[in-house]
Amino acid sequence: MSINKITIDNITRIDLSTTGIESSDDIPEGKIGYLRTGERVVGTGEIGMANPLKEKIAVFTGDSICYGASYTGGYAKIIGEENDMTVQNLGQNNRCIATYDNADGIWASVADMRSDADYIILEGGINDAGYNVPLGTITSGYTDTLDTTTFAGAFEQMLKSTILKFPGKKIGFVFVTKTTPNFDSRTPNSHYTVAKECCEKWGIPYCDLNVLAPPLRYISALEEVYTTDGIHPSEDGYRAYYVPKITAWMKTL
């Protein structure tokens, strides 16, 4: 947060025009601040950190966990409501990242993203792992031809297309909680490890709920409350294990 201060006649004036702070309650008591509206006010409270997500546009894409198969809108809906964001959710049930069974993968959804998005949040991979989509090979360069019928090729194409369409914007990938052996942080040479290597190759930050949240599917007491079938979170599951961590991470992008 950038705060510009100038002292005149022993009174500190604080320029809050770039902070997003809207209320005099967020200015230290007795100090004078100029809000984004240009209004001059005397503060009554403490300076707080402005929410970088507030009133921004976010595009989410992914599979049924993104779509919200058991709670319509999924984590994207809740994050949007809690942060006054405009949300486009392109998640689809049963969708792989790769082209599979004659259906375009998540990689192709980049073309449908609204071009004015501030945040672009990608997700997927458990269907690729569950359907045993061929892993393929991560390319050595950045101009190679990419095979979108393989997991590695489609993942690279998804990241590359997003970077080219949204230069300078906030882009990230979400790893969901442990649900299948091939999308598990403990499994070497898996869809999970390929996804992580692709993110690191292309410089895309990720929020790894595979290691930051409990494996809901494998803990019966949690599965019963926080999922509907071991894989798809209930509303409580989203609010307890997905939204807080994804939101905090998005604020760091």
C-alpha atoms as a PDB file:
ATOM      1  CA  MET A   1       0.000   0.000   0.000  1.00  0.00           C
ATOM      2  CA  SER A   2       1.406   3.339  -1.030  1.00  0.00           C
ATOM      3  CA  ILE A   3       0.818   6.205   1.418  1.00  0.00           C
ATOM      4  CA  ASN A   4       2.123   9.676   0.639  1.00  0.00           C
ATOM      5  CA  LYS A   5       2.436  11.952   3.662  1.00  0.00           C
ATOM      6  CA  ILE A   6       3.099  15.669   3.936  1.00  0.00           C
ATOM      7  CA  THR A   7       3.156  17.675   7.168  1.00  0.00           C
ATOM      8  CA  ILE A   8       1.866  21.259   7.175  1.00  0.00           C
ATOM      9  CA  ASP A   9       1.449  23.248  10.393  1.00  0.00           C
ATOM     10  CA  ASN A  10       2.191  20.122  12.394  1.00  0.00           C
ATOM     11  CA  ILE A  11      -0.738  18.320  10.770  1.00  0.00           C
ATOM     12  CA  THR A  12      -0.039  15.141   8.791  1.00  0.00           C
ATOM     13  CA  ARG A  13      -2.036  14.917   5.595  1.00  0.00           C
ATOM     14  CA  ILE A  14      -2.281  11.476   4.017  1.00  0.00           C
ATOM     15  CA  ASP A  15      -2.961  10.941   0.329  1.00  0.00           C
ATOM     16  CA  LEU A  16      -5.002   7.755   0.108  1.00  0.00           C
ATOM     17  CA  SER A  17      -5.921   8.102  -3.559  1.00  0.00           C
ATOM     18  CA  THR A  18      -4.080   4.927  -4.603  1.00  0.00           C
ATOM     19  CA  THR A  19      -4.969   2.712  -1.649  1.00  0.00           C
ATOM     20  CA  GLY A  20      -8.619   1.929  -2.281  1.00  0.00           C
ATOM     21  CA  ILE A  21      -9.523   3.064   1.260  1.00  0.00           C
ATOM     22  CA  GLU A  22     -13.036   4.512   1.202  1.00  0.00           C
ATOM     23  CA  SER A  23     -13.739   5.602   4.761  1.00  0.00           C
ATOM     24  CA  SER A  24     -12.333   7.978   7.356  1.00  0.00           C
ATOM     25  CA  ASP A  25     -12.565   5.046   9.757  1.00  0.00           C
ATOM     26  CA  ASP A  26      -9.430   3.677   8.098  1.00  0.00           C
ATOM     27  CA  ILE A  27      -7.325   6.797   8.730  1.00  0.00           C
ATOM     28  CA  PRO A  28      -5.435   7.207  12.041  1.00  0.00           C
ATOM     29  CA  GLU A  29      -7.262   9.300  14.587  1.00  0.00           C
ATOM     30  CA  GLY A  30      -6.696  13.023  14.163  1.00  0.00           C
ATOM     31  CA  LYS A  31      -4.965  12.729  10.779  1.00  0.00           C
ATOM     32  CA  ILE A  32      -6.310  14.272   7.599  1.00  0.00           C
ATOM     33  CA  GLY A  33      -6.821  12.116   4.553  1.00  0.00           C
ATOM     34  CA  TYR A  34      -8.004  12.712   1.020  1.00  0.00           C
ATOM     35  CA  LEU A  35     -10.125   9.836  -0.208  1.00  0.00           C
ATOM     36  CA  ARG A  36     -10.379   8.663  -3.807  1.00  0.00           C
ATOM     37  CA  THR A  37     -13.460  10.859  -4.173  1.00  0.00           C
ATOM     38  CA  GLY A  38     -11.328  13.882  -3.348  1.00  0.00           C
ATOM     39  CA  GLU A  39     -13.139  14.371  -0.064  1.00  0.00           C
ATOM     40  CA  ARG A  40     -11.032  15.775   2.774  1.00  0.00           C
ATOM     41  CA  VAL A  41     -11.752  13.976   6.041  1.00  0.00           C
ATOM     42  CA  VAL A  42     -10.325  13.721   9.537  1.00  0.00           C
ATOM     43  CA  GLY A  43      -9.522  10.141  10.470  1.00  0.00           C
ATOM     44  CA  THR A  44     -11.034   8.230  13.338  1.00  0.00           C
ATOM     45  CA  GLY A  45      -9.431   4.794  13.102  1.00  0.00           C
ATOM     46  CA  GLU A  46      -6.408   2.865  11.905  1.00  0.00           C
ATOM     47  CA  ILE A  47      -5.075   2.501   8.387  1.00  0.00           C
ATOM     48  CA  GLY A  48      -5.932  -0.910   6.979  1.00  0.00           C
ATOM     49  CA  MET A  49      -4.741  -2.707   3.876  1.00  0.00           C
ATOM     50  CA  ALA A  50      -6.997  -2.163   0.887  1.00  0.00           C
ATOM     51  CA  ASN A  51      -8.421  -5.328  -0.679  1.00  0.00           C
ATOM     52  CA  PRO A  52      -6.759  -5.737  -4.110  1.00  0.00           C
ATOM     53  CA  LEU A  53      -9.597  -8.010  -5.275  1.00  0.00           C
ATOM     54  CA  LYS A  54     -12.391  -5.525  -4.588  1.00  0.00           C
ATOM     55  CA  GLU A  55     -14.459  -4.690  -7.680  1.00  0.00           C
ATOM     56  CA  LYS A  56     -12.012  -6.473 -10.001  1.00  0.00           C
ATOM     57  CA  ILE A  57     -12.959  -8.811 -12.858  1.00  0.00           C
ATOM     58  CA  ALA A  58     -11.990 -12.462 -12.455  1.00  0.00           C
ATOM     59  CA  VAL A  59     -12.221 -15.346 -14.914  1.00  0.00           C
ATOM     60  CA  PHE A  60     -12.150 -18.896 -13.570  1.00  0.00           C
ATOM     61  CA  THR A  61     -11.908 -22.019 -15.688  1.00  0.00           C
ATOM     62  CA  GLY A  62     -11.571 -25.677 -14.845  1.00  0.00           C
ATOM     63  CA  ASP A  63     -13.540 -28.836 -14.228  1.00  0.00           C
ATOM     64  CA  SER A  64     -16.564 -29.694 -12.069  1.00  0.00           C
ATOM     65  CA  ILE A  65     -14.863 -28.482  -8.889  1.00  0.00           C
ATOM     66  CA  CYS A  66     -14.491 -25.062 -10.475  1.00  0.00           C
ATOM     67  CA  TYR A  67     -17.988 -25.213 -11.980  1.00  0.00           C
ATOM     68  CA  GLY A  68     -19.538 -26.278  -8.701  1.00  0.00           C
ATOM     69  CA  ALA A  69     -21.146 -29.650  -9.396  1.00  0.00           C
ATOM     70  CA  SER A  70     -22.408 -29.881  -5.808  1.00  0.00           C
ATOM     71  CA  TYR A  71     -22.738 -26.141  -5.141  1.00  0.00           C
ATOM     72  CA  THR A  72     -23.479 -24.107  -8.233  1.00  0.00           C
ATOM     73  CA  GLY A  73     -20.768 -21.587  -8.972  1.00  0.00           C
ATOM     74  CA  GLY A  74     -18.229 -23.284  -6.711  1.00  0.00           C
ATOM     75  CA  TYR A  75     -15.388 -21.372  -5.122  1.00  0.00           C
ATOM     76  CA  ALA A  76     -15.520 -18.755  -7.892  1.00  0.00           C
ATOM     77  CA  LYS A  77     -19.023 -17.676  -6.884  1.00  0.00           C
ATOM     78  CA  ILE A  78     -18.134 -17.346  -3.212  1.00  0.00           C
ATOM     79  CA  ILE A  79     -14.889 -15.470  -3.877  1.00  0.00           C
ATOM     80  CA  GLY A  80     -16.739 -13.095  -6.180  1.00  0.00           C
ATOM     81  CA  GLU A  81     -19.476 -12.389  -3.638  1.00  0.00           C
ATOM     82  CA  GLU A  82     -17.092 -11.917  -0.734  1.00  0.00           C
ATOM     83  CA  ASN A  83     -14.897  -9.452  -2.638  1.00  0.00           C
ATOM     84  CA  ASP A  84     -17.446  -7.597  -4.800  1.00  0.00           C
ATOM     85  CA  MET A  85     -15.864  -9.037  -7.935  1.00  0.00           C
ATOM     86  CA  THR A  86     -17.353  -9.561 -11.373  1.00  0.00           C
ATOM     87  CA  VAL A  87     -16.907 -13.273 -12.105  1.00  0.00           C
ATOM     88  CA  GLN A  88     -16.958 -15.329 -15.295  1.00  0.00           C
ATOM     89  CA  ASN A  89     -16.910 -19.053 -14.507  1.00  0.00           C
ATOM     90  CA  LEU A  90     -16.084 -21.269 -17.500  1.00  0.00           C
ATOM     91  CA  GLY A  91     -15.756 -24.478 -15.478  1.00  0.00           C
ATOM     92  CA  GLN A  92     -17.419 -27.571 -16.924  1.00  0.00           C
ATOM     93  CA  ASN A  93     -18.303 -30.970 -15.522  1.00  0.00           C
ATOM     94  CA  ASN A  94     -16.075 -33.891 -16.570  1.00  0.00           C
ATOM     95  CA  ARG A  95     -13.700 -31.652 -18.521  1.00  0.00           C
ATOM     96  CA  CYS A  96     -10.058 -32.563 -18.916  1.00  0.00           C
ATOM     97  CA  ILE A  97      -7.292 -30.073 -19.522  1.00  0.00           C
ATOM     98  CA  ALA A  98      -6.390 -32.043 -22.647  1.00  0.00           C
ATOM     99  CA  THR A  99      -8.617 -32.737 -25.628  1.00  0.00           C
ATOM    100  CA  TYR A 100     -10.189 -36.082 -24.746  1.00  0.00           C
ATOM    101  CA  ASP A 101     -12.937 -38.256 -26.248  1.00  0.00           C
ATOM    102  CA  ASN A 102     -13.488 -35.705 -29.045  1.00  0.00           C
ATOM    103  CA  ALA A 103     -14.156 -32.916 -26.520  1.00  0.00           C
ATOM    104  CA  ASP A 104     -12.029 -29.776 -26.350  1.00  0.00           C
ATOM    105  CA  GLY A 105     -10.159 -29.469 -23.100  1.00  0.00           C
ATOM    106  CA  ILE A 106      -9.861 -26.695 -20.567  1.00  0.00           C
ATOM    107  CA  TRP A 107      -6.932 -25.367 -22.610  1.00  0.00           C
ATOM    108  CA  ALA A 108      -9.445 -24.276 -25.280  1.00  0.00           C
ATOM    109  CA  SER A 109     -11.565 -22.245 -22.842  1.00  0.00           C
ATOM    110  CA  VAL A 110      -8.971 -19.455 -22.872  1.00  0.00           C
ATOM    111  CA  ALA A 111     -10.461 -18.309 -26.179  1.00  0.00           C
ATOM    112  CA  ASP A 112     -13.827 -17.746 -24.434  1.00  0.00           C
ATOM    113  CA  MET A 113     -12.440 -15.654 -21.583  1.00  0.00           C
ATOM    114  CA  ARG A 114     -13.500 -12.026 -21.431  1.00  0.00           C
ATOM    115  CA  SER A 115     -10.559  -9.921 -22.465  1.00  0.00           C
ATOM    116  CA  ASP A 116     -10.921  -7.296 -19.713  1.00  0.00           C
ATOM    117  CA  ALA A 117     -10.225  -9.706 -16.841  1.00  0.00           C
ATOM    118  CA  ASP A 118      -7.898  -8.587 -14.058  1.00  0.00           C
ATOM    119  CA  TYR A 119      -7.451 -12.096 -12.601  1.00  0.00           C
ATOM    120  CA  ILE A 120      -7.341 -15.354 -14.570  1.00  0.00           C
ATOM    121  CA  ILE A 121      -7.517 -18.459 -12.378  1.00  0.00           C
ATOM    122  CA  LEU A 122      -7.000 -21.864 -14.015  1.00  0.00           C
ATOM    123  CA  GLU A 123      -7.763 -25.297 -12.541  1.00  0.00           C
ATOM    124  CA  GLY A 124      -8.093 -28.922 -13.620  1.00  0.00           C
ATOM    125  CA  GLY A 125      -6.202 -32.160 -14.014  1.00  0.00           C
ATOM    126  CA  ILE A 126      -8.066 -34.712 -11.917  1.00  0.00           C
ATOM    127  CA  ASN A 127     -10.168 -35.832 -14.892  1.00  0.00           C
ATOM    128  CA  ASP A 128      -7.043 -36.210 -17.034  1.00  0.00           C
ATOM    129  CA  ALA A 129      -5.571 -38.341 -14.255  1.00  0.00           C
ATOM    130  CA  GLY A 130      -8.762 -40.335 -13.793  1.00  0.00           C
ATOM    131  CA  TYR A 131      -9.183 -41.018 -17.520  1.00  0.00           C
ATOM    132  CA  ASN A 132      -5.477 -41.806 -17.930  1.00  0.00           C
ATOM    133  CA  VAL A 133      -4.926 -39.118 -20.559  1.00  0.00           C
ATOM    134  CA  PRO A 134      -1.367 -39.686 -21.882  1.00  0.00           C
ATOM    135  CA  LEU A 135       1.155 -37.610 -19.953  1.00  0.00           C
ATOM    136  CA  GLY A 136       3.172 -36.593 -23.000  1.00  0.00           C
ATOM    137  CA  THR A 137       6.368 -34.605 -22.648  1.00  0.00           C
ATOM    138  CA  ILE A 138       7.036 -31.048 -21.490  1.00  0.00           C
ATOM    139  CA  THR A 139       8.801 -29.260 -24.341  1.00  0.00           C
ATOM    140  CA  SER A 140      12.270 -27.798 -23.902  1.00  0.00           C
ATOM    141  CA  GLY A 141      11.509 -24.392 -25.408  1.00  0.00           C
ATOM    142  CA  TYR A 142       8.719 -21.859 -25.700  1.00  0.00           C
ATOM    143  CA  THR A 143       7.962 -22.009 -29.427  1.00  0.00           C
ATOM    144  CA  ASP A 144       7.581 -25.773 -29.901  1.00  0.00           C
ATOM    145  CA  THR A 145       4.474 -27.323 -31.437  1.00  0.00           C
ATOM    146  CA  LEU A 146       2.227 -28.519 -28.593  1.00  0.00           C
ATOM    147  CA  ASP A 147       0.131 -31.694 -28.705  1.00  0.00           C
ATOM    148  CA  THR A 148      -3.117 -30.865 -26.900  1.00  0.00           C
ATOM    149  CA  THR A 149      -4.187 -34.522 -26.860  1.00  0.00           C
ATOM    150  CA  THR A 150      -1.540 -35.097 -24.189  1.00  0.00           C
ATOM    151  CA  PHE A 151      -1.684 -33.673 -20.697  1.00  0.00           C
ATOM    152  CA  ALA A 152       1.679 -31.917 -20.884  1.00  0.00           C
ATOM    153  CA  GLY A 153       0.985 -30.426 -24.314  1.00  0.00           C
ATOM    154  CA  ALA A 154      -2.483 -29.203 -23.382  1.00  0.00           C
ATOM    155  CA  PHE A 155      -1.268 -27.792 -20.049  1.00  0.00           C
ATOM    156  CA  GLU A 156       1.514 -25.887 -21.760  1.00  0.00           C
ATOM    157  CA  GLN A 157      -0.896 -24.611 -24.408  1.00  0.00           C
ATOM    158  CA  MET A 158      -3.321 -23.439 -21.710  1.00  0.00           C
ATOM    159  CA  LEU A 159      -0.595 -21.482 -19.919  1.00  0.00           C
ATOM    160  CA  LYS A 160       0.926 -20.091 -23.102  1.00  0.00           C
ATOM    161  CA  SER A 161      -2.438 -18.944 -24.487  1.00  0.00           C
ATOM    162  CA  THR A 162      -3.344 -17.295 -21.188  1.00  0.00           C
ATOM    163  CA  ILE A 163      -0.025 -15.434 -20.957  1.00  0.00           C
ATOM    164  CA  LEU A 164      -0.336 -14.176 -24.534  1.00  0.00           C
ATOM    165  CA  LYS A 165      -3.978 -13.104 -24.130  1.00  0.00           C
ATOM    166  CA  PHE A 166      -3.482 -11.409 -20.756  1.00  0.00           C
ATOM    167  CA  PRO A 167      -0.010  -9.829 -20.650  1.00  0.00           C
ATOM    168  CA  GLY A 168       0.648  -8.122 -17.341  1.00  0.00           C
ATOM    169  CA  LYS A 169      -2.499  -9.509 -15.684  1.00  0.00           C
ATOM    170  CA  LYS A 170      -2.778 -11.717 -12.594  1.00  0.00           C
ATOM    171  CA  ILE A 171      -2.644 -15.371 -13.685  1.00  0.00           C
ATOM    172  CA  GLY A 172      -2.535 -18.463 -11.485  1.00  0.00           C
ATOM    173  CA  PHE A 173      -3.358 -22.155 -11.253  1.00  0.00           C
ATOM    174  CA  VAL A 174      -5.220 -24.007  -8.475  1.00  0.00           C
ATOM    175  CA  PHE A 175      -4.332 -27.596  -7.537  1.00  0.00           C
ATOM    176  CA  VAL A 176      -7.341 -29.258  -5.915  1.00  0.00           C
ATOM    177  CA  THR A 177      -7.173 -31.517  -2.860  1.00  0.00           C
ATOM    178  CA  LYS A 178      -6.026 -35.133  -3.146  1.00  0.00           C
ATOM    179  CA  THR A 179      -8.679 -37.147  -4.978  1.00  0.00           C
ATOM    180  CA  THR A 180      -6.929 -39.681  -7.229  1.00  0.00           C
ATOM    181  CA  PRO A 181      -3.478 -41.345  -7.138  1.00  0.00           C
ATOM    182  CA  ASN A 182      -2.238 -39.703 -10.347  1.00  0.00           C
ATOM    183  CA  PHE A 183      -3.112 -36.232  -9.064  1.00  0.00           C
ATOM    184  CA  ASP A 184      -1.445 -36.609  -5.703  1.00  0.00           C
ATOM    185  CA  SER A 185       1.670 -34.799  -4.473  1.00  0.00           C
ATOM    186  CA  ARG A 186       3.089 -38.133  -3.270  1.00  0.00           C
ATOM    187  CA  THR A 187       3.019 -39.764  -6.718  1.00  0.00           C
ATOM    188  CA  PRO A 188       6.145 -39.267  -8.874  1.00  0.00           C
ATOM    189  CA  ASN A 189       5.927 -38.892 -12.657  1.00  0.00           C
ATOM    190  CA  SER A 190       2.208 -38.201 -12.454  1.00  0.00           C
ATOM    191  CA  HIS A 191      -0.271 -35.700 -13.853  1.00  0.00           C
ATOM    192  CA  TYR A 192       0.283 -33.715 -10.652  1.00  0.00           C
ATOM    193  CA  THR A 193       4.063 -33.471 -11.105  1.00  0.00           C
ATOM    194  CA  VAL A 194       3.728 -32.606 -14.798  1.00  0.00           C
ATOM    195  CA  ALA A 195       1.265 -29.824 -13.961  1.00  0.00           C
ATOM    196  CA  LYS A 196       3.621 -28.367 -11.363  1.00  0.00           C
ATOM    197  CA  GLU A 197       6.607 -28.546 -13.719  1.00  0.00           C
ATOM    198  CA  CYS A 198       4.600 -26.779 -16.437  1.00  0.00           C
ATOM    199  CA  CYS A 199       3.635 -23.977 -14.052  1.00  0.00           C
ATOM    200  CA  GLU A 200       7.246 -23.543 -13.028  1.00  0.00           C
ATOM    201  CA  LYS A 201       8.468 -23.604 -16.634  1.00  0.00           C
ATOM    202  CA  TRP A 202       6.027 -20.869 -17.684  1.00  0.00           C
ATOM    203  CA  GLY A 203       6.311 -18.819 -14.499  1.00  0.00           C
ATOM    204  CA  ILE A 204       2.711 -19.276 -13.378  1.00  0.00           C
ATOM    205  CA  PRO A 205       2.078 -19.098  -9.602  1.00  0.00           C
ATOM    206  CA  TYR A 206      -0.073 -21.807  -8.069  1.00  0.00           C
ATOM    207  CA  CYS A 207      -2.193 -22.423  -5.001  1.00  0.00           C
ATOM    208  CA  ASP A 208      -1.562 -26.053  -4.067  1.00  0.00           C
ATOM    209  CA  LEU A 209      -4.496 -27.354  -2.048  1.00  0.00           C
ATOM    210  CA  ASN A 210      -3.053 -30.827  -2.599  1.00  0.00           C
ATOM    211  CA  VAL A 211      -0.598 -29.981   0.173  1.00  0.00           C
ATOM    212  CA  LEU A 212      -2.286 -26.991   1.864  1.00  0.00           C
ATOM    213  CA  ALA A 213      -5.597 -28.689   2.671  1.00  0.00           C
ATOM    214  CA  PRO A 214      -6.516 -32.069   4.160  1.00  0.00           C
ATOM    215  CA  PRO A 215      -7.285 -34.942   1.750  1.00  0.00           C
ATOM    216  CA  LEU A 216     -11.043 -34.710   2.225  1.00  0.00           C
ATOM    217  CA  ARG A 217     -11.733 -37.850   0.202  1.00  0.00           C
ATOM    218  CA  TYR A 218      -9.607 -40.033   2.437  1.00  0.00           C
ATOM    219  CA  ILE A 219     -10.753 -38.831   5.874  1.00  0.00           C
ATOM    220  CA  SER A 220     -14.286 -40.140   6.411  1.00  0.00           C
ATOM    221  CA  ALA A 221     -15.297 -37.570   9.018  1.00  0.00           C
ATOM    222  CA  LEU A 222     -14.354 -34.757   6.632  1.00  0.00           C
ATOM    223  CA  GLU A 223     -15.671 -36.483   3.511  1.00  0.00           C
ATOM    224  CA  GLU A 224     -19.152 -36.765   4.980  1.00  0.00           C
ATOM    225  CA  VAL A 225     -19.419 -33.086   5.882  1.00  0.00           C
ATOM    226  CA  TYR A 226     -17.301 -31.256   3.348  1.00  0.00           C
ATOM    227  CA  THR A 227     -17.928 -33.227   0.143  1.00  0.00           C
ATOM    228  CA  THR A 228     -20.959 -34.854  -1.453  1.00  0.00           C
ATOM    229  CA  ASP A 229     -19.127 -37.811  -2.975  1.00  0.00           C
ATOM    230  CA  GLY A 230     -15.528 -37.637  -1.817  1.00  0.00           C
ATOM    231  CA  ILE A 231     -14.510 -35.461  -4.747  1.00  0.00           C
ATOM    232  CA  HIS A 232     -16.908 -32.531  -5.095  1.00  0.00           C
ATOM    233  CA  PRO A 233     -16.960 -30.082  -2.199  1.00  0.00           C
ATOM    234  CA  SER A 234     -20.212 -29.137  -0.537  1.00  0.00           C
ATOM    235  CA  GLU A 235     -20.820 -25.457   0.162  1.00  0.00           C
ATOM    236  CA  ASP A 236     -19.229 -26.000   3.582  1.00  0.00           C
ATOM    237  CA  GLY A 237     -16.260 -27.675   1.894  1.00  0.00           C
ATOM    238  CA  TYR A 238     -15.694 -24.714  -0.397  1.00  0.00           C
ATOM    239  CA  ARG A 239     -16.008 -22.220   2.439  1.00  0.00           C
ATOM    240  CA  ALA A 240     -13.755 -24.137   4.833  1.00  0.00           C
ATOM    241  CA  TYR A 241     -10.986 -25.514   2.603  1.00  0.00           C
ATOM    242  CA  TYR A 242     -11.037 -23.793  -0.784  1.00  0.00           C
ATOM    243  CA  VAL A 243     -12.158 -20.175  -0.557  1.00  0.00           C
ATOM    244  CA  PRO A 244      -9.955 -18.906   2.326  1.00  0.00           C
ATOM    245  CA  LYS A 245      -6.733 -20.269   0.849  1.00  0.00           C
ATOM    246  CA  ILE A 246      -7.500 -19.333  -2.767  1.00  0.00           C
ATOM    247  CA  THR A 247      -8.576 -15.834  -1.748  1.00  0.00           C
ATOM    248  CA  ALA A 248      -5.462 -15.216   0.355  1.00  0.00           C
ATOM    249  CA  TRP A 249      -3.264 -16.500  -2.480  1.00  0.00           C
ATOM    250  CA  MET A 250      -5.037 -14.383  -5.131  1.00  0.00           C
ATOM    251  CA  LYS A 251      -4.257 -11.293  -3.068  1.00  0.00           C
ATOM    252  CA  THR A 252      -0.546 -12.051  -3.464  1.00  0.00           C
ATOM    253  CA  LEU A 253      -0.572 -12.319  -7.274  1.00  0.00           C
END
